[in-house]
Amino acid sequence: MRWIWPSVLPLFFAGIGILFYNWLRFGNLLDFGYLTENVAPSLHNDLMRYGQFNVSYLTRNLWTLFLAPPLWNVQSFTFLPDSMGMSLFITTPALVFLVKARQRSPVVLGAWLSVILLLIPLLLYYNTGWFQFGYRFSLDFMVPIMVLLAFAVQERIQIGMQVLILISVAINAWGTRWFIG
């Protein structure tokens, strides 16, 4: 307990400072500027109706995170990334190896718990990350995902995972080229 208080105290004062800053800027301790932000018309009504976090956003965010495909472009007869986001398993197919991270070690359990806890606010958030390639908010939980992949691989990277890593790199190179024009 002796080291907890000195560790928590700066967080407490930072939180108080942020609340005070919000009050100075917007006249409301809990308003971070989202109520007056310029958002896309397709998001504005939901943001005003449900707020920044709500279960009504869950279906859209689950779709984007796990299933959203690229879009077919009729003019060019090619697939183009959906700028509202795409499935992590389409943009990074090597992540299918997460199913092998099933050890009952504290590190694996902690990493899975971290991913789940981080996904709660992300899946309840009012937008999917807006203009992006893939699922922008995956960066928030990518560190524990890498830990889980390390445990899934164990000591040697299997040929199947090597192939999926190369495919993931190629897909993200395509996404980078698309994103920067």
C-alpha atoms as a PDB file:
ATOM      1  CA  MET A   1       0.000   0.000   0.000  1.00  0.00           C
ATOM      2  CA  ARG A   2       2.917   2.361   0.607  1.00  0.00           C
ATOM      3  CA  TRP A   3       3.855   2.535  -3.075  1.00  0.00           C
ATOM      4  CA  ILE A   4       0.252   2.530  -4.385  1.00  0.00           C
ATOM      5  CA  TRP A   5      -0.643   5.990  -3.065  1.00  0.00           C
ATOM      6  CA  PRO A   6       2.373   7.766  -4.552  1.00  0.00           C
ATOM      7  CA  SER A   7       1.595   6.009  -7.853  1.00  0.00           C
ATOM      8  CA  VAL A   8      -2.113   6.883  -7.839  1.00  0.00           C
ATOM      9  CA  LEU A   9      -1.744  10.477  -6.652  1.00  0.00           C
ATOM     10  CA  PRO A  10      -0.404  11.848  -9.979  1.00  0.00           C
ATOM     11  CA  LEU A  11      -3.255  10.106 -11.832  1.00  0.00           C
ATOM     12  CA  PHE A  12      -5.767  11.651  -9.438  1.00  0.00           C
ATOM     13  CA  PHE A  13      -4.349  15.162  -9.947  1.00  0.00           C
ATOM     14  CA  ALA A  14      -4.180  14.651 -13.722  1.00  0.00           C
ATOM     15  CA  GLY A  15      -7.855  13.619 -13.719  1.00  0.00           C
ATOM     16  CA  ILE A  16      -8.814  16.683 -11.655  1.00  0.00           C
ATOM     17  CA  GLY A  17      -6.789  18.858 -14.044  1.00  0.00           C
ATOM     18  CA  ILE A  18      -8.578  17.440 -17.093  1.00  0.00           C
ATOM     19  CA  LEU A  19     -11.997  17.958 -15.506  1.00  0.00           C
ATOM     20  CA  PHE A  20     -11.088  21.552 -14.618  1.00  0.00           C
ATOM     21  CA  TYR A  21      -9.782  22.127 -18.162  1.00  0.00           C
ATOM     22  CA  ASN A  22     -13.086  20.848 -19.569  1.00  0.00           C
ATOM     23  CA  TRP A  23     -14.989  23.208 -17.295  1.00  0.00           C
ATOM     24  CA  LEU A  24     -12.878  26.169 -18.420  1.00  0.00           C
ATOM     25  CA  ARG A  25     -13.322  25.333 -22.131  1.00  0.00           C
ATOM     26  CA  PHE A  26     -16.905  24.077 -22.276  1.00  0.00           C
ATOM     27  CA  GLY A  27     -18.548  24.994 -18.958  1.00  0.00           C
ATOM     28  CA  ASN A  28     -19.004  21.286 -18.134  1.00  0.00           C
ATOM     29  CA  LEU A  29     -16.589  19.018 -16.270  1.00  0.00           C
ATOM     30  CA  LEU A  30     -17.510  15.970 -18.355  1.00  0.00           C
ATOM     31  CA  ASP A  31     -17.611  17.577 -21.815  1.00  0.00           C
ATOM     32  CA  PHE A  32     -14.420  16.927 -23.785  1.00  0.00           C
ATOM     33  CA  GLY A  33     -15.739  18.862 -26.768  1.00  0.00           C
ATOM     34  CA  TYR A  34     -17.718  16.088 -28.419  1.00  0.00           C
ATOM     35  CA  LEU A  35     -21.011  17.944 -28.113  1.00  0.00           C
ATOM     36  CA  THR A  36     -19.690  20.855 -30.176  1.00  0.00           C
ATOM     37  CA  GLU A  37     -17.367  18.895 -32.461  1.00  0.00           C
ATOM     38  CA  ASN A  38     -17.860  18.939 -36.216  1.00  0.00           C
ATOM     39  CA  VAL A  39     -18.632  15.324 -37.032  1.00  0.00           C
ATOM     40  CA  ALA A  40     -19.835  13.688 -40.211  1.00  0.00           C
ATOM     41  CA  PRO A  41     -23.578  14.047 -40.772  1.00  0.00           C
ATOM     42  CA  SER A  42     -23.931  10.252 -40.684  1.00  0.00           C
ATOM     43  CA  LEU A  43     -22.586  10.246 -37.102  1.00  0.00           C
ATOM     44  CA  HIS A  44     -24.036  13.489 -35.765  1.00  0.00           C
ATOM     45  CA  ASN A  45     -27.601  12.352 -35.033  1.00  0.00           C
ATOM     46  CA  ASP A  46     -26.501   9.218 -33.191  1.00  0.00           C
ATOM     47  CA  LEU A  47     -23.919  11.182 -31.198  1.00  0.00           C
ATOM     48  CA  MET A  48     -26.548  13.711 -30.120  1.00  0.00           C
ATOM     49  CA  ARG A  49     -29.156  11.013 -29.407  1.00  0.00           C
ATOM     50  CA  TYR A  50     -27.076   8.336 -27.662  1.00  0.00           C
ATOM     51  CA  GLY A  51     -23.913  10.138 -26.611  1.00  0.00           C
ATOM     52  CA  GLN A  52     -20.308   9.147 -27.083  1.00  0.00           C
ATOM     53  CA  PHE A  53     -20.644   5.593 -25.693  1.00  0.00           C
ATOM     54  CA  ASN A  54     -23.753   3.434 -26.047  1.00  0.00           C
ATOM     55  CA  VAL A  55     -24.731  -0.172 -26.722  1.00  0.00           C
ATOM     56  CA  SER A  56     -26.553   0.997 -29.857  1.00  0.00           C
ATOM     57  CA  TYR A  57     -23.127   1.270 -31.545  1.00  0.00           C
ATOM     58  CA  LEU A  58     -22.165  -2.314 -30.694  1.00  0.00           C
ATOM     59  CA  THR A  59     -23.440  -4.011 -33.864  1.00  0.00           C
ATOM     60  CA  ARG A  60     -21.706  -1.558 -36.219  1.00  0.00           C
ATOM     61  CA  ASN A  61     -18.439  -1.732 -34.305  1.00  0.00           C
ATOM     62  CA  LEU A  62     -18.481  -5.547 -34.116  1.00  0.00           C
ATOM     63  CA  TRP A  63     -19.153  -5.683 -37.867  1.00  0.00           C
ATOM     64  CA  THR A  64     -16.271  -3.321 -38.608  1.00  0.00           C
ATOM     65  CA  LEU A  65     -13.837  -5.070 -36.262  1.00  0.00           C
ATOM     66  CA  PHE A  66     -14.540  -8.659 -37.320  1.00  0.00           C
ATOM     67  CA  LEU A  67     -16.371  -8.820 -40.673  1.00  0.00           C
ATOM     68  CA  ALA A  68     -16.284  -5.623 -42.768  1.00  0.00           C
ATOM     69  CA  PRO A  69     -14.834  -6.415 -46.222  1.00  0.00           C
ATOM     70  CA  PRO A  70     -13.272  -4.107 -48.811  1.00  0.00           C
ATOM     71  CA  LEU A  71     -15.702  -2.550 -51.288  1.00  0.00           C
ATOM     72  CA  TRP A  72     -16.064  -3.586 -54.909  1.00  0.00           C
ATOM     73  CA  ASN A  73     -15.452  -0.671 -57.289  1.00  0.00           C
ATOM     74  CA  VAL A  74     -17.552  -1.160 -60.419  1.00  0.00           C
ATOM     75  CA  GLN A  75     -15.631   1.446 -62.458  1.00  0.00           C
ATOM     76  CA  SER A  76     -12.179  -0.077 -61.923  1.00  0.00           C
ATOM     77  CA  PHE A  77     -13.291  -3.681 -61.369  1.00  0.00           C
ATOM     78  CA  THR A  78     -11.157  -3.873 -58.228  1.00  0.00           C
ATOM     79  CA  PHE A  79     -11.585  -4.015 -54.500  1.00  0.00           C
ATOM     80  CA  LEU A  80     -10.983  -0.801 -52.591  1.00  0.00           C
ATOM     81  CA  PRO A  81     -10.642  -0.434 -48.828  1.00  0.00           C
ATOM     82  CA  ASP A  82     -13.716   0.760 -46.968  1.00  0.00           C
ATOM     83  CA  SER A  83     -12.595   4.036 -45.395  1.00  0.00           C
ATOM     84  CA  MET A  84     -14.991   3.435 -42.478  1.00  0.00           C
ATOM     85  CA  GLY A  85     -12.883   0.438 -41.483  1.00  0.00           C
ATOM     86  CA  MET A  86     -12.359  -3.203 -42.340  1.00  0.00           C
ATOM     87  CA  SER A  87     -12.069  -6.465 -40.468  1.00  0.00           C
ATOM     88  CA  LEU A  88      -8.834  -7.081 -38.623  1.00  0.00           C
ATOM     89  CA  PHE A  89      -8.820 -10.608 -39.995  1.00  0.00           C
ATOM     90  CA  ILE A  90      -8.967  -9.293 -43.572  1.00  0.00           C
ATOM     91  CA  THR A  91      -6.265  -6.666 -43.085  1.00  0.00           C
ATOM     92  CA  THR A  92      -4.085  -8.877 -40.885  1.00  0.00           C
ATOM     93  CA  PRO A  93      -4.954 -12.534 -41.507  1.00  0.00           C
ATOM     94  CA  ALA A  94      -2.049 -13.711 -39.306  1.00  0.00           C
ATOM     95  CA  LEU A  95      -4.254 -12.810 -36.334  1.00  0.00           C
ATOM     96  CA  VAL A  96      -6.196 -16.055 -36.842  1.00  0.00           C
ATOM     97  CA  PHE A  97      -3.351 -17.666 -34.877  1.00  0.00           C
ATOM     98  CA  LEU A  98      -4.742 -15.982 -31.746  1.00  0.00           C
ATOM     99  CA  VAL A  99      -6.915 -19.078 -31.317  1.00  0.00           C
ATOM    100  CA  LYS A 100      -3.739 -20.942 -30.317  1.00  0.00           C
ATOM    101  CA  ALA A 101      -3.083 -18.619 -27.354  1.00  0.00           C
ATOM    102  CA  ARG A 102      -4.922 -20.794 -24.833  1.00  0.00           C
ATOM    103  CA  GLN A 103      -2.305 -21.428 -22.178  1.00  0.00           C
ATOM    104  CA  ARG A 104      -3.421 -20.940 -18.603  1.00  0.00           C
ATOM    105  CA  SER A 105      -0.445 -18.797 -17.676  1.00  0.00           C
ATOM    106  CA  PRO A 106      -0.937 -15.474 -15.876  1.00  0.00           C
ATOM    107  CA  VAL A 107       0.588 -13.633 -18.848  1.00  0.00           C
ATOM    108  CA  VAL A 108      -1.840 -15.145 -21.377  1.00  0.00           C
ATOM    109  CA  LEU A 109      -4.846 -14.679 -19.090  1.00  0.00           C
ATOM    110  CA  GLY A 110      -3.760 -11.094 -18.382  1.00  0.00           C
ATOM    111  CA  ALA A 111      -3.297 -10.354 -22.077  1.00  0.00           C
ATOM    112  CA  TRP A 112      -6.747 -11.747 -22.953  1.00  0.00           C
ATOM    113  CA  LEU A 113      -8.276  -9.786 -20.068  1.00  0.00           C
ATOM    114  CA  SER A 114      -6.528  -6.630 -21.326  1.00  0.00           C
ATOM    115  CA  VAL A 115      -7.910  -7.120 -24.841  1.00  0.00           C
ATOM    116  CA  ILE A 116     -11.438  -7.722 -23.520  1.00  0.00           C
ATOM    117  CA  LEU A 117     -11.347  -4.720 -21.192  1.00  0.00           C
ATOM    118  CA  LEU A 118      -9.987  -2.491 -23.947  1.00  0.00           C
ATOM    119  CA  LEU A 119     -12.650  -3.700 -26.380  1.00  0.00           C
ATOM    120  CA  ILE A 120     -15.520  -2.685 -24.088  1.00  0.00           C
ATOM    121  CA  PRO A 121     -15.260   1.075 -24.624  1.00  0.00           C
ATOM    122  CA  LEU A 122     -14.098   0.660 -28.230  1.00  0.00           C
ATOM    123  CA  LEU A 123     -17.150  -1.393 -29.191  1.00  0.00           C
ATOM    124  CA  LEU A 124     -19.469   1.079 -27.473  1.00  0.00           C
ATOM    125  CA  TYR A 125     -17.870   4.157 -29.086  1.00  0.00           C
ATOM    126  CA  TYR A 126     -19.898   6.259 -31.528  1.00  0.00           C
ATOM    127  CA  ASN A 127     -17.589   5.865 -34.533  1.00  0.00           C
ATOM    128  CA  THR A 128     -15.360   3.208 -36.017  1.00  0.00           C
ATOM    129  CA  GLY A 129     -12.308   5.424 -36.434  1.00  0.00           C
ATOM    130  CA  TRP A 130     -13.457   7.342 -39.497  1.00  0.00           C
ATOM    131  CA  PHE A 131     -11.068   7.589 -42.458  1.00  0.00           C
ATOM    132  CA  GLN A 132      -8.689   4.653 -42.094  1.00  0.00           C
ATOM    133  CA  PHE A 133      -7.353   1.404 -43.446  1.00  0.00           C
ATOM    134  CA  GLY A 134      -8.360  -1.579 -41.343  1.00  0.00           C
ATOM    135  CA  TYR A 135      -9.628  -1.000 -37.829  1.00  0.00           C
ATOM    136  CA  ARG A 136      -7.972   2.108 -36.457  1.00  0.00           C
ATOM    137  CA  PHE A 137      -8.718   1.460 -32.814  1.00  0.00           C
ATOM    138  CA  SER A 138      -6.932  -1.902 -32.936  1.00  0.00           C
ATOM    139  CA  LEU A 139      -3.799   0.055 -32.065  1.00  0.00           C
ATOM    140  CA  ASP A 140      -5.265   0.391 -28.570  1.00  0.00           C
ATOM    141  CA  PHE A 141      -5.014  -3.356 -27.928  1.00  0.00           C
ATOM    142  CA  MET A 142      -2.220  -4.416 -30.270  1.00  0.00           C
ATOM    143  CA  VAL A 143       0.417  -4.797 -27.514  1.00  0.00           C
ATOM    144  CA  PRO A 144      -1.482  -7.560 -25.665  1.00  0.00           C
ATOM    145  CA  ILE A 145      -2.359  -9.079 -29.064  1.00  0.00           C
ATOM    146  CA  MET A 146       1.370  -9.339 -29.859  1.00  0.00           C
ATOM    147  CA  VAL A 147       1.948 -11.004 -26.490  1.00  0.00           C
ATOM    148  CA  LEU A 148      -0.812 -13.508 -27.300  1.00  0.00           C
ATOM    149  CA  LEU A 149       0.662 -14.176 -30.743  1.00  0.00           C
ATOM    150  CA  ALA A 150       4.045 -14.838 -29.150  1.00  0.00           C
ATOM    151  CA  PHE A 151       2.452 -17.432 -26.889  1.00  0.00           C
ATOM    152  CA  ALA A 152       0.517 -18.870 -29.841  1.00  0.00           C
ATOM    153  CA  VAL A 153       3.724 -19.307 -31.845  1.00  0.00           C
ATOM    154  CA  GLN A 154       5.756 -20.681 -28.932  1.00  0.00           C
ATOM    155  CA  GLU A 155       9.325 -21.395 -29.991  1.00  0.00           C
ATOM    156  CA  ARG A 156       9.050 -21.662 -33.754  1.00  0.00           C
ATOM    157  CA  ILE A 157       6.920 -19.783 -36.281  1.00  0.00           C
ATOM    158  CA  GLN A 158       5.019 -22.341 -38.341  1.00  0.00           C
ATOM    159  CA  ILE A 159       5.018 -22.101 -42.133  1.00  0.00           C
ATOM    160  CA  GLY A 160       1.282 -21.306 -42.127  1.00  0.00           C
ATOM    161  CA  MET A 161       1.838 -18.320 -39.900  1.00  0.00           C
ATOM    162  CA  GLN A 162       4.834 -17.200 -41.959  1.00  0.00           C
ATOM    163  CA  VAL A 163       2.638 -17.219 -45.068  1.00  0.00           C
ATOM    164  CA  LEU A 164      -0.128 -15.303 -43.283  1.00  0.00           C
ATOM    165  CA  ILE A 165       2.386 -12.736 -42.013  1.00  0.00           C
ATOM    166  CA  LEU A 166       3.618 -12.170 -45.583  1.00  0.00           C
ATOM    167  CA  ILE A 167       0.015 -11.843 -46.808  1.00  0.00           C
ATOM    168  CA  SER A 168      -0.688  -9.402 -43.949  1.00  0.00           C
ATOM    169  CA  VAL A 169       2.322  -7.297 -44.949  1.00  0.00           C
ATOM    170  CA  ALA A 170       1.195  -7.276 -48.604  1.00  0.00           C
ATOM    171  CA  ILE A 171      -2.370  -6.305 -47.656  1.00  0.00           C
ATOM    172  CA  ASN A 172      -1.119  -3.474 -45.461  1.00  0.00           C
ATOM    173  CA  ALA A 173       1.241  -2.288 -48.196  1.00  0.00           C
ATOM    174  CA  TRP A 174      -1.815  -2.115 -50.478  1.00  0.00           C
ATOM    175  CA  GLY A 175      -3.632  -0.194 -47.745  1.00  0.00           C
ATOM    176  CA  THR A 176      -0.731   2.212 -47.306  1.00  0.00           C
ATOM    177  CA  ARG A 177      -0.587   2.884 -51.031  1.00  0.00           C
ATOM    178  CA  TRP A 178      -4.347   3.477 -51.116  1.00  0.00           C
ATOM    179  CA  PHE A 179      -4.235   5.728 -48.034  1.00  0.00           C
ATOM    180  CA  ILE A 180      -1.456   8.030 -49.246  1.00  0.00           C
ATOM    181  CA  GLY A 181      -2.836   8.095 -52.775  1.00  0.00           C
END
